[in-house]
Amino acid sequence: MRVAEMEGRTADDSGIKTQAEAARASFLEISDVVKKIQTEIDARIAAKEEAGKPTKANSNAEANKK
C-alpha cells in the first residue's frame, strides 16, 4: 500500500485500502462470532457444574441414609 502511494499509483493504493477495510470488517465479524461461541461454551460449563452440585435437600437426604 505504501509503495503504491509513493509511486503515485492511486488506483492500486485505493484498491488495496478497500481490500484491507473489507478484510478488517470480515475479521471483526468472525471475532464477534468466536466471542459468542465462547460465551455459550462458558455458560454451558457453568450450567453443567451447577447441575452436578447437590442441593441442600439432597445433601440432607444423603446424610439421613447413613
Foldseek 3Di string as FASTA:
>chain_A
DVVCVVVVVVVVVVVVVVVVVVVVVVVVVVVVVVVVVVVVVVVVVVVVVVVPDDDPVRVVVVVVVD
